[in-house]
N, C-alpha and C. Protein backbone atom coordinates (compact mmCIF):
# COMPACT_ATOMS: atom_id res chain seq x y z
N MET A 1 42.46 21.06 -24.12
CA MET A 1 41.99 19.73 -24.32
C MET A 1 41.65 18.94 -22.97
N ALA A 2 42.58 18.84 -22.27
CA ALA A 2 42.33 18.20 -21.00
C ALA A 2 41.32 18.65 -20.05
N GLN A 3 41.36 20.17 -20.10
CA GLN A 3 40.35 20.90 -19.27
C GLN A 3 38.99 20.61 -20.01
N GLU A 4 38.82 20.51 -21.19
CA GLU A 4 37.64 20.21 -21.74
C GLU A 4 37.01 18.85 -21.44
N ARG A 5 38.15 17.89 -21.67
CA ARG A 5 37.72 16.49 -21.28
C ARG A 5 37.35 16.54 -19.79
N GLY A 6 37.96 17.06 -18.82
CA GLY A 6 37.63 17.14 -17.46
C GLY A 6 36.41 17.59 -17.34
N LYS A 7 36.12 18.65 -17.99
CA LYS A 7 34.55 19.33 -17.84
C LYS A 7 33.71 18.35 -18.17
N ARG A 8 33.72 17.75 -19.41
CA ARG A 8 32.80 16.57 -19.77
C ARG A 8 32.55 15.61 -18.95
N GLU A 9 33.83 15.19 -18.41
CA GLU A 9 33.68 13.97 -17.60
C GLU A 9 32.91 14.41 -16.15
N GLY A 10 33.26 15.69 -15.67
CA GLY A 10 32.65 16.07 -14.57
C GLY A 10 30.96 16.20 -14.64
N ARG A 11 30.69 16.77 -15.83
CA ARG A 11 29.16 16.90 -16.12
C ARG A 11 28.55 15.57 -16.30
N GLU A 12 29.40 14.56 -16.83
CA GLU A 12 28.76 13.13 -16.86
C GLU A 12 28.54 12.46 -15.64
N GLU A 13 29.63 12.72 -14.65
CA GLU A 13 29.56 12.26 -13.35
C GLU A 13 28.48 12.85 -12.61
N GLY A 14 28.23 14.11 -12.52
CA GLY A 14 27.14 15.02 -12.05
C GLY A 14 25.72 14.53 -12.46
N ARG A 15 25.57 14.11 -13.86
CA ARG A 15 24.30 13.61 -14.23
C ARG A 15 24.09 12.27 -13.73
N GLU A 16 25.04 11.48 -13.87
CA GLU A 16 24.88 10.14 -13.07
C GLU A 16 24.40 10.00 -11.75
N GLU A 17 25.15 10.90 -10.93
CA GLU A 17 24.72 11.00 -9.70
C GLU A 17 23.42 11.70 -9.33
N GLY A 18 23.00 12.67 -10.11
CA GLY A 18 21.49 13.01 -10.27
C GLY A 18 20.66 11.90 -10.61
N ARG A 19 20.92 11.27 -11.53
CA ARG A 19 19.88 10.13 -11.97
C ARG A 19 19.84 9.16 -10.85
N GLU A 20 21.00 8.69 -10.24
CA GLU A 20 20.97 7.81 -9.37
C GLU A 20 20.16 8.36 -7.99
N GLU A 21 20.34 9.60 -7.55
CA GLU A 21 19.50 10.21 -6.48
C GLU A 21 17.95 10.30 -6.98
N GLY A 22 17.55 10.60 -8.21
CA GLY A 22 16.39 10.56 -8.64
C GLY A 22 15.78 9.19 -8.57
N ARG A 23 16.41 8.10 -8.95
CA ARG A 23 15.96 6.71 -8.87
C ARG A 23 15.67 6.37 -7.53
N GLU A 24 16.44 6.82 -6.50
CA GLU A 24 16.54 6.36 -5.01
C GLU A 24 15.27 7.07 -4.64
N GLU A 25 15.17 8.42 -4.86
CA GLU A 25 13.85 9.11 -4.39
C GLU A 25 12.58 8.47 -4.95
N GLY A 26 12.82 8.01 -6.25
CA GLY A 26 11.45 7.34 -6.97
C GLY A 26 11.16 6.08 -6.00
N ARG A 27 12.13 5.28 -5.86
CA ARG A 27 12.06 4.07 -5.13
C ARG A 27 11.32 4.36 -3.63
N GLU A 28 11.99 5.27 -3.01
CA GLU A 28 11.38 5.59 -1.61
C GLU A 28 10.00 6.04 -1.87
N GLU A 29 9.63 6.94 -2.65
CA GLU A 29 8.22 7.27 -2.82
C GLU A 29 7.30 6.22 -3.31
N GLY A 30 7.78 5.23 -4.12
CA GLY A 30 7.03 3.97 -4.51
C GLY A 30 6.76 3.20 -3.11
N ARG A 31 7.79 3.01 -2.35
CA ARG A 31 7.73 2.28 -1.22
C ARG A 31 6.60 3.00 -0.30
N GLU A 32 6.62 4.15 -0.06
CA GLU A 32 5.94 5.00 0.95
C GLU A 32 4.34 4.83 0.27
N GLU A 33 4.23 4.81 -1.06
CA GLU A 33 2.92 4.89 -1.56
C GLU A 33 2.27 3.38 -1.38
N GLY A 34 3.18 2.40 -1.73
CA GLY A 34 2.76 1.01 -1.51
C GLY A 34 2.34 0.51 -0.08
N LYS A 35 2.96 1.35 0.72
CA LYS A 35 2.83 1.10 2.41
C LYS A 35 1.38 1.75 2.53
N LYS A 36 1.16 2.88 2.07
CA LYS A 36 -0.19 3.54 2.51
C LYS A 36 -1.30 2.62 1.79
N VAL A 37 -1.14 2.22 0.47
CA VAL A 37 -2.13 1.41 -0.26
C VAL A 37 -2.49 0.19 0.76
N GLY A 38 -1.27 -0.56 0.96
CA GLY A 38 -1.45 -1.77 1.85
C GLY A 38 -2.25 -1.54 3.08
N GLU A 39 -1.87 -0.38 3.82
CA GLU A 39 -2.49 -0.12 4.93
C GLU A 39 -4.10 0.10 4.96
N GLU A 40 -4.40 0.97 3.71
CA GLU A 40 -5.83 1.27 3.48
C GLU A 40 -6.61 -0.28 3.19
N ILE A 41 -5.89 -1.01 2.28
CA ILE A 41 -6.48 -2.16 2.10
C ILE A 41 -6.79 -3.13 3.34
N GLY A 42 -5.82 -3.12 4.10
CA GLY A 42 -5.92 -3.97 5.30
C GLY A 42 -6.96 -3.43 6.38
N LEU A 43 -6.94 -2.10 6.37
CA LEU A 43 -8.22 -1.45 7.34
C LEU A 43 -9.51 -1.82 6.78
N THR A 44 -9.71 -1.54 5.32
CA THR A 44 -10.88 -2.00 4.64
C THR A 44 -11.29 -3.28 4.95
N GLN A 45 -10.37 -4.07 4.86
CA GLN A 45 -10.79 -5.66 5.12
C GLN A 45 -11.03 -5.81 6.54
N GLY A 46 -10.37 -5.18 7.35
CA GLY A 46 -10.61 -5.28 8.84
C GLY A 46 -12.11 -4.79 9.22
N LEU A 47 -12.39 -3.77 8.68
CA LEU A 47 -13.72 -3.26 8.77
C LEU A 47 -14.82 -3.94 8.45
N VAL A 48 -14.66 -4.46 7.14
CA VAL A 48 -15.61 -5.39 6.44
C VAL A 48 -15.85 -6.66 7.40
N GLU A 49 -14.61 -7.24 7.94
CA GLU A 49 -14.78 -8.21 8.81
C GLU A 49 -15.62 -7.88 10.16
N ALA A 50 -15.37 -6.85 10.75
CA ALA A 50 -15.98 -6.36 11.84
C ALA A 50 -17.40 -6.29 11.54
N ILE A 51 -17.77 -5.49 10.43
CA ILE A 51 -19.32 -5.43 10.12
C ILE A 51 -19.92 -6.88 10.09
N ASP A 52 -19.19 -7.81 9.26
CA ASP A 52 -19.65 -8.98 9.10
C ASP A 52 -19.97 -9.68 10.57
N LEU A 53 -19.03 -9.62 11.47
CA LEU A 53 -19.26 -10.20 12.67
C LEU A 53 -20.38 -9.36 13.59
N GLY A 54 -20.51 -8.11 13.31
CA GLY A 54 -21.44 -7.47 14.13
C GLY A 54 -22.94 -7.77 13.54
N LEU A 55 -22.94 -7.96 12.33
CA LEU A 55 -24.27 -8.43 11.62
C LEU A 55 -24.69 -9.58 12.21
N ARG A 56 -23.82 -10.82 12.20
CA ARG A 56 -24.01 -11.91 12.64
C ARG A 56 -24.47 -12.06 14.16
N LEU A 57 -23.81 -11.30 14.72
CA LEU A 57 -24.18 -11.30 16.43
C LEU A 57 -25.41 -10.70 16.78
N ARG A 58 -25.63 -9.50 15.95
CA ARG A 58 -26.78 -8.74 16.20
C ARG A 58 -28.16 -9.16 15.62
N PHE A 59 -27.98 -9.72 14.21
CA PHE A 59 -29.12 -10.05 13.40
C PHE A 59 -29.15 -11.44 13.02
N GLY A 60 -28.16 -12.30 13.51
CA GLY A 60 -28.05 -13.68 13.03
C GLY A 60 -27.80 -13.89 11.38
N THR A 61 -28.15 -15.06 11.06
CA THR A 61 -27.76 -15.14 9.70
C THR A 61 -28.39 -14.19 8.72
N ALA A 62 -29.55 -13.73 9.10
CA ALA A 62 -30.19 -12.69 8.13
C ALA A 62 -29.63 -11.50 7.78
N GLY A 63 -28.51 -11.12 8.84
CA GLY A 63 -27.95 -9.89 8.68
C GLY A 63 -26.74 -10.22 7.41
N LEU A 64 -26.36 -11.33 7.13
CA LEU A 64 -25.42 -11.79 6.20
C LEU A 64 -26.03 -11.49 4.67
N GLU A 65 -27.14 -11.40 4.67
CA GLU A 65 -27.72 -10.90 3.20
C GLU A 65 -27.17 -9.41 2.77
N LEU A 66 -26.75 -8.76 3.91
CA LEU A 66 -26.44 -7.48 3.34
C LEU A 66 -24.85 -7.43 3.01
N LEU A 67 -24.14 -8.33 3.49
CA LEU A 67 -22.70 -8.34 3.22
C LEU A 67 -22.30 -8.04 1.83
N PRO A 68 -22.82 -8.65 0.80
CA PRO A 68 -22.46 -8.29 -0.47
C PRO A 68 -22.38 -6.84 -0.95
N ARG A 69 -23.36 -6.05 -0.34
CA ARG A 69 -23.38 -4.48 -0.51
C ARG A 69 -22.25 -3.91 0.35
N VAL A 70 -21.89 -4.39 1.50
CA VAL A 70 -21.06 -3.93 2.28
C VAL A 70 -19.64 -4.18 1.84
N ARG A 71 -19.50 -5.31 1.06
CA ARG A 71 -18.06 -5.59 0.60
C ARG A 71 -17.93 -4.81 -0.67
N GLU A 72 -18.89 -4.18 -1.33
CA GLU A 72 -18.52 -3.18 -2.56
C GLU A 72 -18.06 -1.79 -2.15
N ILE A 73 -18.16 -1.51 -0.79
CA ILE A 73 -17.78 -0.34 -0.31
C ILE A 73 -16.23 -0.50 -0.06
N ASP A 74 -15.49 0.64 -0.47
CA ASP A 74 -14.11 0.80 -0.18
C ASP A 74 -13.66 2.07 0.37
N ASP A 75 -14.51 2.87 0.93
CA ASP A 75 -14.44 4.01 1.57
C ASP A 75 -14.41 3.75 3.05
N VAL A 76 -13.01 3.91 3.67
CA VAL A 76 -13.02 3.82 5.06
C VAL A 76 -13.82 4.46 6.00
N HIS A 77 -14.17 5.82 5.80
CA HIS A 77 -14.92 6.28 6.69
C HIS A 77 -16.56 5.87 6.55
N ARG A 78 -16.84 5.43 5.37
CA ARG A 78 -18.27 4.90 5.30
C ARG A 78 -18.34 3.62 6.04
N LEU A 79 -17.13 2.84 5.89
CA LEU A 79 -17.30 1.38 6.44
C LEU A 79 -17.21 1.76 8.10
N ARG A 80 -16.40 2.50 8.53
CA ARG A 80 -16.36 2.86 10.02
C ARG A 80 -17.92 3.34 10.53
N ALA A 81 -18.51 4.22 9.82
CA ALA A 81 -19.82 4.67 10.16
C ALA A 81 -20.92 3.36 10.16
N LEU A 82 -20.66 2.49 9.15
CA LEU A 82 -21.66 1.32 9.03
C LEU A 82 -21.38 0.36 10.42
N LYS A 83 -20.12 0.27 10.60
CA LYS A 83 -19.86 -0.49 11.87
C LYS A 83 -20.38 0.17 13.26
N GLU A 84 -20.31 1.65 13.21
CA GLU A 84 -21.12 2.11 14.45
C GLU A 84 -22.62 2.00 14.27
N ALA A 85 -22.98 1.91 13.20
CA ALA A 85 -24.44 1.99 12.96
C ALA A 85 -24.99 0.55 13.48
N ILE A 86 -24.29 -0.31 13.42
CA ILE A 86 -24.81 -1.72 13.94
C ILE A 86 -25.26 -1.67 15.40
N LEU A 87 -24.48 -0.93 16.13
CA LEU A 87 -24.54 -0.64 17.48
C LEU A 87 -25.98 0.22 17.99
N ARG A 88 -26.14 1.14 16.87
CA ARG A 88 -27.18 2.15 17.23
C ARG A 88 -28.56 1.55 16.59
N VAL A 89 -28.57 0.88 15.57
CA VAL A 89 -30.13 0.66 14.93
C VAL A 89 -30.81 -0.34 15.78
N GLU A 90 -32.12 -0.16 15.66
CA GLU A 90 -32.99 -1.17 16.31
C GLU A 90 -33.10 -2.48 15.45
N SER A 91 -33.14 -2.36 14.11
CA SER A 91 -33.62 -3.64 13.25
C SER A 91 -32.61 -3.73 12.08
N LEU A 92 -32.83 -4.88 11.55
CA LEU A 92 -31.86 -5.09 10.25
C LEU A 92 -32.36 -4.24 9.18
N GLN A 93 -33.67 -4.01 9.21
CA GLN A 93 -34.14 -2.92 8.05
C GLN A 93 -33.61 -1.48 8.43
N GLU A 94 -33.50 -1.31 9.58
CA GLU A 94 -32.98 0.12 9.80
C GLU A 94 -31.53 0.13 9.36
N PHE A 95 -30.63 -0.95 9.52
CA PHE A 95 -29.39 -1.15 9.13
C PHE A 95 -29.25 -1.08 7.74
N ALA A 96 -30.08 -1.79 7.05
CA ALA A 96 -30.26 -1.61 5.44
C ALA A 96 -30.43 -0.18 4.95
N ALA A 97 -31.41 0.54 5.91
CA ALA A 97 -31.60 1.84 5.29
C ALA A 97 -30.28 2.76 5.32
N VAL A 98 -29.52 2.52 6.36
CA VAL A 98 -28.16 3.22 6.68
C VAL A 98 -27.42 2.92 5.34
N LEU A 99 -27.33 1.51 5.08
CA LEU A 99 -26.40 1.06 4.21
C LEU A 99 -26.70 1.81 2.67
N ARG A 100 -28.07 2.00 2.39
CA ARG A 100 -28.52 2.34 1.20
C ARG A 100 -28.18 4.06 1.28
N ALA A 101 -28.31 4.84 2.21
CA ALA A 101 -28.13 6.18 2.33
C ALA A 101 -26.77 6.51 1.84
């Protein structure tokens, strides 16, 4: 009797420890995922701001007409390419073509 009760209590204790470890792992994974998402959002916003500034400096207020389309992009690699394109293109129309591509 006492031995059976001890086994049950031991199993229950083990289950509870396992649950707690699982919850802690889940919280840690959630924090890591949240951190990655936050970094990605911040990077995206920063690139959009850089493109905004680049368009203003390079093409004046006319460049701002393209910003709504730029703001729709959430691919960091695409935004980086657009930021670099501002330095390479000869005209606003050429940048618009890169944006459409």
